[in-house]
Amino acid sequence: MRISITYLYVIFRYGYPHSVRDVLRALPEIRKLGFRFLEMEGLGPAHLRAMYKSRTSVAAALEDNGLHVHNFCVVDPLLVSPDAAKRAKALDGFRMGAELGAYFGAETLHLASYAPPVRYISARPYQLGGKRKYAFTNQTQVRIPKDFAWQTVWDALVSSCRACADVAATYGKTVIMEPRVGEVVCSVDSELRLIEHVARPNFQANFDTGHFSAQRENVVLALKKMEGKFANIHLSDNDPANTNHLPIGDGAIDWPEFFRVLKDMHYHGYLGLDLGMTKTIVRDYARSVERIREMAAKLKIAVEV
């Protein structure tokens, strides 16, 4: 297994979205943190276009810092719009993202299902706060529009995921879906249902321990339920009272059993550390890596960082 760092570090460090210059500043920081593997994102159409335009510079910086991008995420809520014309336009952006991910050498391409199109009274589940800060919201209130139909929302998501998987297949890539609390795909069973309905061999899940725990799933049981259905893992600890992404060992997840089951599954992929930003973030990453290594050593699991 390979321990990587997700893009949350760059988002919390430099804002949402940020410039390509910020990306280039972040890469040596990531290497200094001790990581060689990372995930990257195109944060909306404008940021994605800027990344694509600067792809040779970004690729050179990745090589100079000895970094490998293993997962690339295209962020665009219009990919799941009930409006077919808007989805089609967003799919053009995904095509650019798929090309960019392939250019960087990513093994997987990453999607989200986003919040359903209802009216939020206070805050959406994931939002931009002041000064382009990315924030989790633990409580939401909604009002259901008169024309809202869940089946329409679900059908749009399934159609979009099929189209993205077909694009990814031309590059020999797997598409993975991120589960997040408050979004259309938020639980193990909604993830499994989506995989069944999309019915593409290169469409799988991104297994996210923090989000599943916040959804009050038993994370170890969730892992077993999703056996053979995920192609990447996001690791963070969690106290189910909120959605906070904690360092490994600081929450309620049963990590020794998680890694024992993962070993039995013969998983050899990536473990993306997906921690929330704190004043002790450098120490949090170091502690999390060390705790993973300690558990892996006891179970005789080979890990790289």
C-alpha atoms as a PDB file:
ATOM      1  CA  MET A   1       0.000   0.000   0.000  1.00  0.00           C
ATOM      2  CA  ARG A   2       1.051   3.575  -0.625  1.00  0.00           C
ATOM      3  CA  ILE A   3       0.278   6.461   1.732  1.00  0.00           C
ATOM      4  CA  SER A   4      -0.554   9.638  -0.148  1.00  0.00           C
ATOM      5  CA  ILE A   5      -1.842  13.107   0.646  1.00  0.00           C
ATOM      6  CA  THR A   6      -5.177  14.335  -0.676  1.00  0.00           C
ATOM      7  CA  TYR A   7      -5.842  17.769  -2.122  1.00  0.00           C
ATOM      8  CA  LEU A   8      -7.440  19.027   1.090  1.00  0.00           C
ATOM      9  CA  TYR A   9      -3.999  20.227   2.175  1.00  0.00           C
ATOM     10  CA  VAL A  10      -3.678  22.570  -0.823  1.00  0.00           C
ATOM     11  CA  ILE A  11      -7.311  23.723  -0.532  1.00  0.00           C
ATOM     12  CA  PHE A  12      -7.030  24.627   3.143  1.00  0.00           C
ATOM     13  CA  ARG A  13      -3.572  26.135   2.681  1.00  0.00           C
ATOM     14  CA  TYR A  14      -4.250  28.293  -0.375  1.00  0.00           C
ATOM     15  CA  GLY A  15      -8.031  28.704  -0.670  1.00  0.00           C
ATOM     16  CA  TYR A  16     -10.819  27.419  -2.887  1.00  0.00           C
ATOM     17  CA  PRO A  17     -10.061  27.859  -5.672  1.00  0.00           C
ATOM     18  CA  HIS A  18      -6.475  29.025  -5.899  1.00  0.00           C
ATOM     19  CA  SER A  19      -4.016  29.907  -8.642  1.00  0.00           C
ATOM     20  CA  VAL A  20      -1.650  27.654 -10.544  1.00  0.00           C
ATOM     21  CA  ARG A  21       1.111  29.611  -8.847  1.00  0.00           C
ATOM     22  CA  ASP A  22      -0.255  28.359  -5.533  1.00  0.00           C
ATOM     23  CA  VAL A  23      -0.187  24.802  -6.857  1.00  0.00           C
ATOM     24  CA  LEU A  24       3.475  25.197  -7.751  1.00  0.00           C
ATOM     25  CA  ARG A  25       4.157  26.588  -4.264  1.00  0.00           C
ATOM     26  CA  ALA A  26       2.352  23.676  -2.624  1.00  0.00           C
ATOM     27  CA  LEU A  27       4.277  20.878  -4.342  1.00  0.00           C
ATOM     28  CA  PRO A  28       7.621  21.354  -2.539  1.00  0.00           C
ATOM     29  CA  GLU A  29       5.673  21.755   0.714  1.00  0.00           C
ATOM     30  CA  ILE A  30       4.039  18.375   0.141  1.00  0.00           C
ATOM     31  CA  ARG A  31       7.420  16.791  -0.531  1.00  0.00           C
ATOM     32  CA  LYS A  32       8.790  18.425   2.638  1.00  0.00           C
ATOM     33  CA  LEU A  33       5.923  16.857   4.583  1.00  0.00           C
ATOM     34  CA  GLY A  34       7.371  13.504   3.499  1.00  0.00           C
ATOM     35  CA  PHE A  35       4.936  12.485   0.757  1.00  0.00           C
ATOM     36  CA  ARG A  36       5.748  11.221  -2.738  1.00  0.00           C
ATOM     37  CA  PHE A  37       2.164  10.427  -3.793  1.00  0.00           C
ATOM     38  CA  LEU A  38      -0.665  12.940  -4.012  1.00  0.00           C
ATOM     39  CA  GLU A  39      -4.085  13.680  -5.409  1.00  0.00           C
ATOM     40  CA  MET A  40      -4.845  16.811  -7.441  1.00  0.00           C
ATOM     41  CA  GLU A  41      -8.075  18.579  -8.426  1.00  0.00           C
ATOM     42  CA  GLY A  42      -9.486  20.924 -10.993  1.00  0.00           C
ATOM     43  CA  LEU A  43     -11.585  23.185  -8.755  1.00  0.00           C
ATOM     44  CA  GLY A  44     -14.269  24.307 -11.177  1.00  0.00           C
ATOM     45  CA  PRO A  45     -14.063  25.100 -14.913  1.00  0.00           C
ATOM     46  CA  ALA A  46     -11.827  28.189 -14.621  1.00  0.00           C
ATOM     47  CA  HIS A  47      -9.286  26.505 -12.330  1.00  0.00           C
ATOM     48  CA  LEU A  48      -9.315  23.370 -14.487  1.00  0.00           C
ATOM     49  CA  ARG A  49      -8.624  25.402 -17.646  1.00  0.00           C
ATOM     50  CA  ALA A  50      -5.766  27.194 -15.904  1.00  0.00           C
ATOM     51  CA  MET A  51      -4.289  23.862 -14.792  1.00  0.00           C
ATOM     52  CA  TYR A  52      -4.630  22.470 -18.301  1.00  0.00           C
ATOM     53  CA  LYS A  53      -2.980  25.536 -19.843  1.00  0.00           C
ATOM     54  CA  SER A  54      -0.057  25.205 -17.398  1.00  0.00           C
ATOM     55  CA  ARG A  55       0.116  21.411 -17.519  1.00  0.00           C
ATOM     56  CA  THR A  56       3.724  21.267 -18.752  1.00  0.00           C
ATOM     57  CA  SER A  57       4.880  23.535 -15.905  1.00  0.00           C
ATOM     58  CA  VAL A  58       2.922  21.540 -13.329  1.00  0.00           C
ATOM     59  CA  ALA A  59       4.253  18.241 -14.677  1.00  0.00           C
ATOM     60  CA  ALA A  60       7.809  19.569 -14.563  1.00  0.00           C
ATOM     61  CA  ALA A  61       7.318  20.706 -10.960  1.00  0.00           C
ATOM     62  CA  LEU A  62       5.937  17.301 -10.031  1.00  0.00           C
ATOM     63  CA  GLU A  63       8.995  15.622 -11.532  1.00  0.00           C
ATOM     64  CA  ASP A  64      11.406  18.082  -9.914  1.00  0.00           C
ATOM     65  CA  ASN A  65       9.897  17.322  -6.500  1.00  0.00           C
ATOM     66  CA  GLY A  66       9.729  13.563  -7.027  1.00  0.00           C
ATOM     67  CA  LEU A  67       5.918  13.493  -6.802  1.00  0.00           C
ATOM     68  CA  HIS A  68       3.382  11.207  -8.475  1.00  0.00           C
ATOM     69  CA  VAL A  69      -0.273  12.163  -8.990  1.00  0.00           C
ATOM     70  CA  HIS A  70      -2.330   8.994  -8.605  1.00  0.00           C
ATOM     71  CA  ASN A  71      -5.847  10.482  -8.579  1.00  0.00           C
ATOM     72  CA  PHE A  72      -7.291  13.531 -10.352  1.00  0.00           C
ATOM     73  CA  CYS A  73     -10.664  15.040  -9.445  1.00  0.00           C
ATOM     74  CA  VAL A  74     -12.803  17.204 -11.730  1.00  0.00           C
ATOM     75  CA  VAL A  75     -14.956  19.460  -9.522  1.00  0.00           C
ATOM     76  CA  ASP A  76     -18.081  20.752 -11.275  1.00  0.00           C
ATOM     77  CA  PRO A  77     -21.597  20.467  -9.764  1.00  0.00           C
ATOM     78  CA  LEU A  78     -23.098  20.947 -13.234  1.00  0.00           C
ATOM     79  CA  LEU A  79     -21.947  17.419 -14.045  1.00  0.00           C
ATOM     80  CA  VAL A  80     -25.023  16.239 -12.120  1.00  0.00           C
ATOM     81  CA  SER A  81     -27.434  18.994 -13.132  1.00  0.00           C
ATOM     82  CA  PRO A  82     -30.979  17.823 -13.975  1.00  0.00           C
ATOM     83  CA  ASP A  83     -30.589  20.005 -17.097  1.00  0.00           C
ATOM     84  CA  ALA A  84     -29.173  17.735 -19.813  1.00  0.00           C
ATOM     85  CA  ALA A  85     -27.678  20.662 -21.751  1.00  0.00           C
ATOM     86  CA  LYS A  86     -25.740  21.830 -18.680  1.00  0.00           C
ATOM     87  CA  ARG A  87     -24.515  18.291 -18.041  1.00  0.00           C
ATOM     88  CA  ALA A  88     -23.317  18.017 -21.639  1.00  0.00           C
ATOM     89  CA  LYS A  89     -21.313  21.235 -21.319  1.00  0.00           C
ATOM     90  CA  ALA A  90     -19.828  20.075 -18.009  1.00  0.00           C
ATOM     91  CA  LEU A  91     -18.890  16.766 -19.630  1.00  0.00           C
ATOM     92  CA  ASP A  92     -16.642  18.702 -22.012  1.00  0.00           C
ATOM     93  CA  GLY A  93     -14.834  19.936 -18.915  1.00  0.00           C
ATOM     94  CA  PHE A  94     -14.533  16.383 -17.630  1.00  0.00           C
ATOM     95  CA  ARG A  95     -12.972  15.383 -20.953  1.00  0.00           C
ATOM     96  CA  MET A  96     -10.317  18.054 -20.383  1.00  0.00           C
ATOM     97  CA  GLY A  97      -9.839  16.783 -16.825  1.00  0.00           C
ATOM     98  CA  ALA A  98      -9.508  13.195 -18.000  1.00  0.00           C
ATOM     99  CA  GLU A  99      -6.852  14.235 -20.491  1.00  0.00           C
ATOM    100  CA  LEU A 100      -5.067  16.214 -17.775  1.00  0.00           C
ATOM    101  CA  GLY A 101      -5.225  13.349 -15.302  1.00  0.00           C
ATOM    102  CA  ALA A 102      -3.818  10.981 -17.922  1.00  0.00           C
ATOM    103  CA  TYR A 103      -1.078  13.503 -18.729  1.00  0.00           C
ATOM    104  CA  PHE A 104      -0.045  13.555 -15.069  1.00  0.00           C
ATOM    105  CA  GLY A 105      -0.128   9.738 -14.967  1.00  0.00           C
ATOM    106  CA  ALA A 106      -3.078   9.381 -12.577  1.00  0.00           C
ATOM    107  CA  GLU A 107      -4.514   5.892 -12.199  1.00  0.00           C
ATOM    108  CA  THR A 108      -8.006   7.109 -11.246  1.00  0.00           C
ATOM    109  CA  LEU A 109     -10.354  10.009 -12.004  1.00  0.00           C
ATOM    110  CA  HIS A 110     -12.483  11.288  -9.170  1.00  0.00           C
ATOM    111  CA  LEU A 111     -16.108  12.502  -9.015  1.00  0.00           C
ATOM    112  CA  ALA A 112     -18.529  13.801  -6.373  1.00  0.00           C
ATOM    113  CA  SER A 113     -22.328  13.602  -6.354  1.00  0.00           C
ATOM    114  CA  TYR A 114     -22.910  17.075  -4.793  1.00  0.00           C
ATOM    115  CA  ALA A 115     -25.825  18.296  -2.723  1.00  0.00           C
ATOM    116  CA  PRO A 116     -29.310  17.698  -4.172  1.00  0.00           C
ATOM    117  CA  PRO A 117     -30.995  20.742  -5.812  1.00  0.00           C
ATOM    118  CA  VAL A 118     -33.166  21.813  -2.879  1.00  0.00           C
ATOM    119  CA  ARG A 119     -33.245  25.199  -1.124  1.00  0.00           C
ATOM    120  CA  TYR A 120     -30.886  25.457   1.838  1.00  0.00           C
ATOM    121  CA  ILE A 121     -32.074  27.745   4.641  1.00  0.00           C
ATOM    122  CA  SER A 122     -28.741  28.217   6.379  1.00  0.00           C
ATOM    123  CA  ALA A 123     -25.784  26.556   4.705  1.00  0.00           C
ATOM    124  CA  ARG A 124     -25.118  23.803   2.187  1.00  0.00           C
ATOM    125  CA  PRO A 125     -23.259  20.684   3.387  1.00  0.00           C
ATOM    126  CA  TYR A 126     -19.981  21.897   1.813  1.00  0.00           C
ATOM    127  CA  GLN A 127     -19.522  25.556   1.102  1.00  0.00           C
ATOM    128  CA  LEU A 128     -17.097  28.400   0.623  1.00  0.00           C
ATOM    129  CA  GLY A 129     -16.800  30.569   3.673  1.00  0.00           C
ATOM    130  CA  GLY A 130     -15.118  33.951   3.978  1.00  0.00           C
ATOM    131  CA  LYS A 131     -11.877  34.533   2.057  1.00  0.00           C
ATOM    132  CA  ARG A 132     -12.517  31.481  -0.141  1.00  0.00           C
ATOM    133  CA  LYS A 133     -12.200  29.110   2.828  1.00  0.00           C
ATOM    134  CA  TYR A 134     -13.600  25.625   2.390  1.00  0.00           C
ATOM    135  CA  ALA A 135     -15.864  24.574   5.255  1.00  0.00           C
ATOM    136  CA  PHE A 136     -17.810  21.542   6.401  1.00  0.00           C
ATOM    137  CA  THR A 137     -21.319  22.176   7.704  1.00  0.00           C
ATOM    138  CA  ASN A 138     -22.628  19.740  10.303  1.00  0.00           C
ATOM    139  CA  GLN A 139     -26.254  20.883  10.313  1.00  0.00           C
ATOM    140  CA  THR A 140     -28.477  21.954   7.429  1.00  0.00           C
ATOM    141  CA  GLN A 141     -32.120  22.873   6.924  1.00  0.00           C
ATOM    142  CA  VAL A 142     -33.824  22.584   3.550  1.00  0.00           C
ATOM    143  CA  ARG A 143     -37.045  23.445   1.777  1.00  0.00           C
ATOM    144  CA  ILE A 144     -38.216  21.119  -0.984  1.00  0.00           C
ATOM    145  CA  PRO A 145     -39.185  22.907  -4.226  1.00  0.00           C
ATOM    146  CA  LYS A 146     -42.567  21.978  -5.696  1.00  0.00           C
ATOM    147  CA  ASP A 147     -40.968  20.560  -8.851  1.00  0.00           C
ATOM    148  CA  PHE A 148     -38.358  18.490  -6.979  1.00  0.00           C
ATOM    149  CA  ALA A 149     -38.263  14.778  -7.869  1.00  0.00           C
ATOM    150  CA  TRP A 150     -35.614  12.486  -6.389  1.00  0.00           C
ATOM    151  CA  GLN A 151     -35.762  10.112  -9.352  1.00  0.00           C
ATOM    152  CA  THR A 152     -34.834  12.973 -11.683  1.00  0.00           C
ATOM    153  CA  VAL A 153     -31.823  13.790  -9.507  1.00  0.00           C
ATOM    154  CA  TRP A 154     -30.762  10.155  -9.379  1.00  0.00           C
ATOM    155  CA  ASP A 155     -31.195   9.590 -13.109  1.00  0.00           C
ATOM    156  CA  ALA A 156     -29.052  12.655 -13.870  1.00  0.00           C
ATOM    157  CA  LEU A 157     -26.298  11.342 -11.590  1.00  0.00           C
ATOM    158  CA  VAL A 158     -26.363   7.873 -13.155  1.00  0.00           C
ATOM    159  CA  SER A 159     -26.314   9.294 -16.695  1.00  0.00           C
ATOM    160  CA  SER A 160     -23.393  11.590 -15.878  1.00  0.00           C
ATOM    161  CA  CYS A 161     -21.364   8.821 -14.214  1.00  0.00           C
ATOM    162  CA  ARG A 162     -21.863   6.544 -17.214  1.00  0.00           C
ATOM    163  CA  ALA A 163     -20.698   9.279 -19.583  1.00  0.00           C
ATOM    164  CA  CYS A 164     -17.644  10.045 -17.433  1.00  0.00           C
ATOM    165  CA  ALA A 165     -16.755   6.356 -17.153  1.00  0.00           C
ATOM    166  CA  ASP A 166     -16.949   6.016 -20.932  1.00  0.00           C
ATOM    167  CA  VAL A 167     -14.625   9.012 -21.361  1.00  0.00           C
ATOM    168  CA  ALA A 168     -12.213   7.577 -18.798  1.00  0.00           C
ATOM    169  CA  ALA A 169     -12.234   4.210 -20.554  1.00  0.00           C
ATOM    170  CA  THR A 170     -10.638   5.804 -23.623  1.00  0.00           C
ATOM    171  CA  TYR A 171      -7.614   6.558 -21.413  1.00  0.00           C
ATOM    172  CA  GLY A 172      -7.715   3.197 -19.644  1.00  0.00           C
ATOM    173  CA  LYS A 173      -8.699   4.875 -16.354  1.00  0.00           C
ATOM    174  CA  THR A 174     -11.112   4.039 -13.549  1.00  0.00           C
ATOM    175  CA  VAL A 175     -13.637   6.603 -12.290  1.00  0.00           C
ATOM    176  CA  ILE A 176     -14.263   6.670  -8.541  1.00  0.00           C
ATOM    177  CA  MET A 177     -17.167   8.305  -6.686  1.00  0.00           C
ATOM    178  CA  GLU A 178     -16.642  10.194  -3.425  1.00  0.00           C
ATOM    179  CA  PRO A 179     -19.297   9.679  -0.702  1.00  0.00           C
ATOM    180  CA  ARG A 180     -19.963  12.792   1.396  1.00  0.00           C
ATOM    181  CA  VAL A 181     -22.470  13.474   4.154  1.00  0.00           C
ATOM    182  CA  GLY A 182     -25.413  15.511   2.900  1.00  0.00           C
ATOM    183  CA  GLU A 183     -24.855  14.758  -0.766  1.00  0.00           C
ATOM    184  CA  VAL A 184     -26.715  12.445  -3.136  1.00  0.00           C
ATOM    185  CA  VAL A 185     -24.208   9.650  -2.464  1.00  0.00           C
ATOM    186  CA  CYS A 186     -23.523   9.726   1.273  1.00  0.00           C
ATOM    187  CA  SER A 187     -23.687   6.137   2.537  1.00  0.00           C
ATOM    188  CA  VAL A 188     -22.364   2.688   1.715  1.00  0.00           C
ATOM    189  CA  ASP A 189     -25.696   1.563   0.324  1.00  0.00           C
ATOM    190  CA  SER A 190     -26.180   4.629  -1.880  1.00  0.00           C
ATOM    191  CA  GLU A 191     -22.650   4.101  -3.199  1.00  0.00           C
ATOM    192  CA  LEU A 192     -23.325   0.439  -3.950  1.00  0.00           C
ATOM    193  CA  ARG A 193     -26.640   1.299  -5.612  1.00  0.00           C
ATOM    194  CA  LEU A 194     -24.947   3.859  -7.842  1.00  0.00           C
ATOM    195  CA  ILE A 195     -22.242   1.399  -8.904  1.00  0.00           C
ATOM    196  CA  GLU A 196     -24.952  -1.135  -9.772  1.00  0.00           C
ATOM    197  CA  HIS A 197     -26.978   1.374 -11.777  1.00  0.00           C
ATOM    198  CA  VAL A 198     -24.023   2.885 -13.649  1.00  0.00           C
ATOM    199  CA  ALA A 199     -22.999  -0.637 -14.670  1.00  0.00           C
ATOM    200  CA  ARG A 200     -19.566   0.204 -16.050  1.00  0.00           C
ATOM    201  CA  PRO A 201     -16.578  -2.035 -15.227  1.00  0.00           C
ATOM    202  CA  ASN A 202     -14.352   1.020 -14.725  1.00  0.00           C
ATOM    203  CA  PHE A 203     -16.722   2.774 -12.290  1.00  0.00           C
ATOM    204  CA  GLN A 204     -16.015   2.157  -8.595  1.00  0.00           C
ATOM    205  CA  ALA A 205     -16.029   3.893  -5.226  1.00  0.00           C
ATOM    206  CA  ASN A 206     -13.586   6.017  -3.336  1.00  0.00           C
ATOM    207  CA  PHE A 207     -13.808   4.527   0.165  1.00  0.00           C
ATOM    208  CA  ASP A 208     -13.781   7.446   2.631  1.00  0.00           C
ATOM    209  CA  THR A 209     -13.403   6.507   6.293  1.00  0.00           C
ATOM    210  CA  GLY A 210     -14.123   9.977   7.687  1.00  0.00           C
ATOM    211  CA  HIS A 211     -17.319  10.523   5.729  1.00  0.00           C
ATOM    212  CA  PHE A 212     -18.638   7.023   6.358  1.00  0.00           C
ATOM    213  CA  SER A 213     -17.983   7.414  10.084  1.00  0.00           C
ATOM    214  CA  ALA A 214     -19.694  10.823  10.114  1.00  0.00           C
ATOM    215  CA  GLN A 215     -22.645   9.116   8.397  1.00  0.00           C
ATOM    216  CA  ARG A 216     -22.630   6.731  11.388  1.00  0.00           C
ATOM    217  CA  GLU A 217     -21.613   3.736   9.341  1.00  0.00           C
ATOM    218  CA  ASN A 218     -19.515   1.102  11.083  1.00  0.00           C
ATOM    219  CA  VAL A 219     -16.378   1.714   9.019  1.00  0.00           C
ATOM    220  CA  VAL A 220     -15.008  -1.835   9.278  1.00  0.00           C
ATOM    221  CA  LEU A 221     -18.351  -3.344   8.291  1.00  0.00           C
ATOM    222  CA  ALA A 222     -18.630  -0.770   5.503  1.00  0.00           C
ATOM    223  CA  LEU A 223     -15.246  -1.883   4.205  1.00  0.00           C
ATOM    224  CA  LYS A 224     -16.410  -5.488   4.006  1.00  0.00           C
ATOM    225  CA  LYS A 225     -19.707  -4.517   2.355  1.00  0.00           C
ATOM    226  CA  MET A 226     -17.775  -2.677  -0.342  1.00  0.00           C
ATOM    227  CA  GLU A 227     -15.214  -5.390  -0.986  1.00  0.00           C
ATOM    228  CA  GLY A 228     -14.185  -5.341  -4.644  1.00  0.00           C
ATOM    229  CA  LYS A 229     -16.103  -2.116  -5.276  1.00  0.00           C
ATOM    230  CA  PHE A 230     -13.506   0.555  -4.420  1.00  0.00           C
ATOM    231  CA  ALA A 231     -10.324   1.640  -6.176  1.00  0.00           C
ATOM    232  CA  ASN A 232      -8.961   4.227  -3.732  1.00  0.00           C
ATOM    233  CA  ILE A 233      -9.183   5.026  -0.016  1.00  0.00           C
ATOM    234  CA  HIS A 234      -9.330   8.325   1.859  1.00  0.00           C
ATOM    235  CA  LEU A 235      -8.143   8.006   5.440  1.00  0.00           C
ATOM    236  CA  SER A 236      -9.112  10.269   8.311  1.00  0.00           C
ATOM    237  CA  ASP A 237     -10.367   9.551  11.785  1.00  0.00           C
ATOM    238  CA  ASN A 238     -13.697  10.883  12.993  1.00  0.00           C
ATOM    239  CA  ASP A 239     -15.937  11.338  15.990  1.00  0.00           C
ATOM    240  CA  PRO A 240     -19.450  10.712  14.575  1.00  0.00           C
ATOM    241  CA  ALA A 241     -20.749  13.794  16.414  1.00  0.00           C
ATOM    242  CA  ASN A 242     -19.491  15.880  13.466  1.00  0.00           C
ATOM    243  CA  THR A 243     -17.791  15.668  10.059  1.00  0.00           C
ATOM    244  CA  ASN A 244     -14.318  16.680  11.239  1.00  0.00           C
ATOM    245  CA  HIS A 245     -11.411  14.893   9.542  1.00  0.00           C
ATOM    246  CA  LEU A 246      -9.114  13.978  12.438  1.00  0.00           C
ATOM    247  CA  PRO A 247      -5.589  12.520  12.557  1.00  0.00           C
ATOM    248  CA  ILE A 248      -5.447   8.731  12.598  1.00  0.00           C
ATOM    249  CA  GLY A 249      -6.021   7.476  16.142  1.00  0.00           C
ATOM    250  CA  ASP A 250      -7.717  10.647  17.430  1.00  0.00           C
ATOM    251  CA  GLY A 251     -11.302   9.507  16.740  1.00  0.00           C
ATOM    252  CA  ALA A 252     -13.567   6.496  17.088  1.00  0.00           C
ATOM    253  CA  ILE A 253     -12.577   4.300  14.104  1.00  0.00           C
ATOM    254  CA  ASP A 254     -11.252   0.814  14.914  1.00  0.00           C
ATOM    255  CA  TRP A 255      -8.021   1.054  12.903  1.00  0.00           C
ATOM    256  CA  PRO A 256      -6.379  -2.275  13.827  1.00  0.00           C
ATOM    257  CA  GLU A 257      -9.436  -4.175  12.600  1.00  0.00           C
ATOM    258  CA  PHE A 258      -9.750  -1.911   9.550  1.00  0.00           C
ATOM    259  CA  PHE A 259      -6.225  -2.730   8.429  1.00  0.00           C
ATOM    260  CA  ARG A 260      -6.613  -6.421   9.256  1.00  0.00           C
ATOM    261  CA  VAL A 261      -9.665  -6.628   6.987  1.00  0.00           C
ATOM    262  CA  LEU A 262      -7.907  -4.568   4.327  1.00  0.00           C
ATOM    263  CA  LYS A 263      -5.002  -7.004   4.376  1.00  0.00           C
ATOM    264  CA  ASP A 264      -7.382  -9.965   4.007  1.00  0.00           C
ATOM    265  CA  MET A 265      -8.811  -8.233   0.912  1.00  0.00           C
ATOM    266  CA  HIS A 266      -5.292  -8.071  -0.602  1.00  0.00           C
ATOM    267  CA  TYR A 267      -5.655  -4.338  -1.172  1.00  0.00           C
ATOM    268  CA  HIS A 268      -2.448  -2.870  -2.604  1.00  0.00           C
ATOM    269  CA  GLY A 269      -3.655   0.593  -3.616  1.00  0.00           C
ATOM    270  CA  TYR A 270      -3.394   4.085  -2.184  1.00  0.00           C
ATOM    271  CA  LEU A 271      -4.291   5.380   1.275  1.00  0.00           C
ATOM    272  CA  GLY A 272      -4.883   9.109   0.913  1.00  0.00           C
ATOM    273  CA  LEU A 273      -4.518  11.022   4.194  1.00  0.00           C
ATOM    274  CA  ASP A 274      -7.453  13.438   4.155  1.00  0.00           C
ATOM    275  CA  LEU A 275      -6.967  15.567   7.260  1.00  0.00           C
ATOM    276  CA  GLY A 276      -8.622  18.834   8.213  1.00  0.00           C
ATOM    277  CA  MET A 277      -6.391  21.889   8.515  1.00  0.00           C
ATOM    278  CA  THR A 278      -5.282  22.779  12.051  1.00  0.00           C
ATOM    279  CA  LYS A 279      -2.414  24.734  13.604  1.00  0.00           C
ATOM    280  CA  THR A 280      -0.695  21.380  14.173  1.00  0.00           C
ATOM    281  CA  ILE A 281      -1.238  20.021  10.649  1.00  0.00           C
ATOM    282  CA  VAL A 282       2.439  19.146  10.043  1.00  0.00           C
ATOM    283  CA  ARG A 283       2.540  17.143  13.277  1.00  0.00           C
ATOM    284  CA  ASP A 284      -0.878  15.637  12.507  1.00  0.00           C
ATOM    285  CA  TYR A 285       0.352  14.242   9.193  1.00  0.00           C
ATOM    286  CA  ALA A 286       3.525  12.901  10.786  1.00  0.00           C
ATOM    287  CA  ARG A 287       1.612  11.262  13.655  1.00  0.00           C
ATOM    288  CA  SER A 288      -0.905   9.728  11.245  1.00  0.00           C
ATOM    289  CA  VAL A 289       1.799   8.259   9.016  1.00  0.00           C
ATOM    290  CA  GLU A 290       3.632   6.847  12.023  1.00  0.00           C
ATOM    291  CA  ARG A 291       0.468   5.257  13.418  1.00  0.00           C
ATOM    292  CA  ILE A 292      -0.315   3.660  10.058  1.00  0.00           C
ATOM    293  CA  ARG A 293       3.215   2.323   9.841  1.00  0.00           C
ATOM    294  CA  GLU A 294       3.014   0.888  13.356  1.00  0.00           C
ATOM    295  CA  MET A 295      -0.235  -0.946  12.618  1.00  0.00           C
ATOM    296  CA  ALA A 296       1.025  -2.103   9.229  1.00  0.00           C
ATOM    297  CA  ALA A 297       4.213  -3.479  10.805  1.00  0.00           C
ATOM    298  CA  LYS A 298       2.225  -5.519  13.337  1.00  0.00           C
ATOM    299  CA  LEU A 299       0.139  -6.982  10.516  1.00  0.00           C
ATOM    300  CA  LYS A 300       3.153  -7.405   8.197  1.00  0.00           C
ATOM    301  CA  ILE A 301       1.658  -5.057   5.593  1.00  0.00           C
ATOM    302  CA  ALA A 302       4.153  -3.349   3.289  1.00  0.00           C
ATOM    303  CA  VAL A 303       3.557   0.413   3.047  1.00  0.00           C
ATOM    304  CA  GLU A 304       5.307   3.189   1.124  1.00  0.00           C
ATOM    305  CA  VAL A 305       5.133   6.932   1.654  1.00  0.00           C
END
